[in-house]
Amino acid sequence: MFAAVTPDQPDRELFVWAVLFSRMPLAEFFWKDCPDQVGSALVASKIFKSLAGKARLQGKLHLADELDSNAGLVLVSAVFLRATAYC
């Protein structure tokens, strides 16, 4: 009936799940094992910003601030990684 689907990169799949559910400690854990950490961080930042915008529209300002903060943390991690890798 249904074929079993095995992801090629389970760490990336779990990273995206952790980002979507705003589980920052888990997201950081799985992000470290992603093959493209900078790209993954940029995607996560965009997801967080999008979720923050939706939360702000619904009047959930505290959640929106937390999601914006998460987006900033992910971007700072990506910039730090890039700076240490290329210097």
Protein backbone atom coordinates (compact mmCIF):
# COMPACT_ATOMS: atom_id res chain seq x y z
CA MET A 1 0.00 0.00 0.00
CA PHE A 2 2.46 2.68 1.19
CA ALA A 3 6.15 2.49 0.46
CA ALA A 4 8.55 3.28 3.26
CA VAL A 5 10.32 6.57 2.64
CA THR A 6 13.80 6.96 4.05
CA PRO A 7 15.17 10.51 3.95
CA ASP A 8 18.63 10.96 2.51
CA GLN A 9 19.62 13.33 5.29
CA PRO A 10 17.63 12.63 8.45
CA ASP A 11 19.49 15.32 10.41
CA ARG A 12 18.26 17.98 7.98
CA GLU A 13 14.70 16.66 8.18
CA LEU A 14 14.80 16.74 11.98
CA PHE A 15 16.33 20.21 11.89
CA VAL A 16 13.42 21.51 9.79
CA TRP A 17 10.95 19.82 12.14
CA ALA A 18 12.61 21.44 15.16
CA VAL A 19 12.51 24.86 13.46
CA LEU A 20 8.83 24.51 12.52
CA PHE A 21 7.95 23.64 16.11
CA SER A 22 10.32 26.30 17.50
CA ARG A 23 12.44 23.85 19.48
CA MET A 24 15.70 25.81 19.50
CA PRO A 25 17.88 23.39 21.51
CA LEU A 26 16.92 20.54 19.17
CA ALA A 27 17.32 22.75 16.11
CA GLU A 28 20.84 23.69 17.19
CA PHE A 29 21.68 20.04 17.84
CA PHE A 30 20.55 18.88 14.39
CA TRP A 31 21.91 21.99 12.66
CA LYS A 32 25.44 21.02 13.66
CA ASP A 33 25.10 17.82 11.60
CA CYS A 34 23.55 19.44 8.51
CA PRO A 35 25.80 19.21 5.46
CA ASP A 36 25.04 22.81 4.41
CA GLN A 37 24.91 24.71 7.68
CA VAL A 38 24.85 28.21 6.21
CA GLY A 39 22.03 27.39 3.81
CA SER A 40 20.10 25.60 6.54
CA ALA A 41 20.48 28.60 8.83
CA LEU A 42 19.18 30.96 6.14
CA VAL A 43 16.14 28.74 5.55
CA ALA A 44 15.50 28.50 9.30
CA SER A 45 15.74 32.27 9.66
CA LYS A 46 13.21 32.79 6.87
CA ILE A 47 10.85 30.25 8.46
CA PHE A 48 11.14 31.96 11.87
CA LYS A 49 10.52 35.40 10.34
CA SER A 50 7.50 34.12 8.44
CA LEU A 51 6.06 32.49 11.55
CA ALA A 52 6.72 35.69 13.52
CA GLY A 53 4.78 37.70 10.98
CA LYS A 54 1.81 35.34 11.21
CA ALA A 55 1.93 35.44 15.02
CA ARG A 56 2.03 39.25 14.96
CA LEU A 57 -1.07 39.32 12.72
CA GLN A 58 -2.88 37.14 15.25
CA GLY A 59 -1.93 39.46 18.10
CA LYS A 60 0.52 37.03 19.71
CA LEU A 61 3.24 39.60 20.21
CA HIS A 62 5.24 37.62 22.79
CA LEU A 63 5.45 34.64 20.43
CA ALA A 64 6.36 36.93 17.52
CA ASP A 65 9.20 38.46 19.54
CA GLU A 66 10.48 35.00 20.47
CA LEU A 67 10.40 33.86 16.84
CA ASP A 68 12.20 37.02 15.70
CA SER A 69 14.82 36.38 18.36
CA ASN A 70 15.25 32.80 17.10
CA ALA A 71 15.70 34.12 13.55
CA GLY A 72 18.43 36.44 14.77
CA LEU A 73 20.19 33.71 16.72
CA VAL A 74 20.24 31.42 13.71
CA LEU A 75 21.66 34.16 11.49
CA VAL A 76 24.35 35.02 14.03
CA SER A 77 25.34 31.34 14.15
CA ALA A 78 25.60 31.22 10.36
CA VAL A 79 27.69 34.40 10.20
CA PHE A 80 29.99 33.09 12.94
CA LEU A 81 30.39 29.78 11.13
CA ARG A 82 31.21 31.50 7.86
CA ALA A 83 33.65 33.87 9.52
CA THR A 84 35.53 31.07 11.25
CA ALA A 85 35.55 28.85 8.17
CA TYR A 86 36.95 31.43 5.77
CA CYS A 87 39.38 33.32 8.00
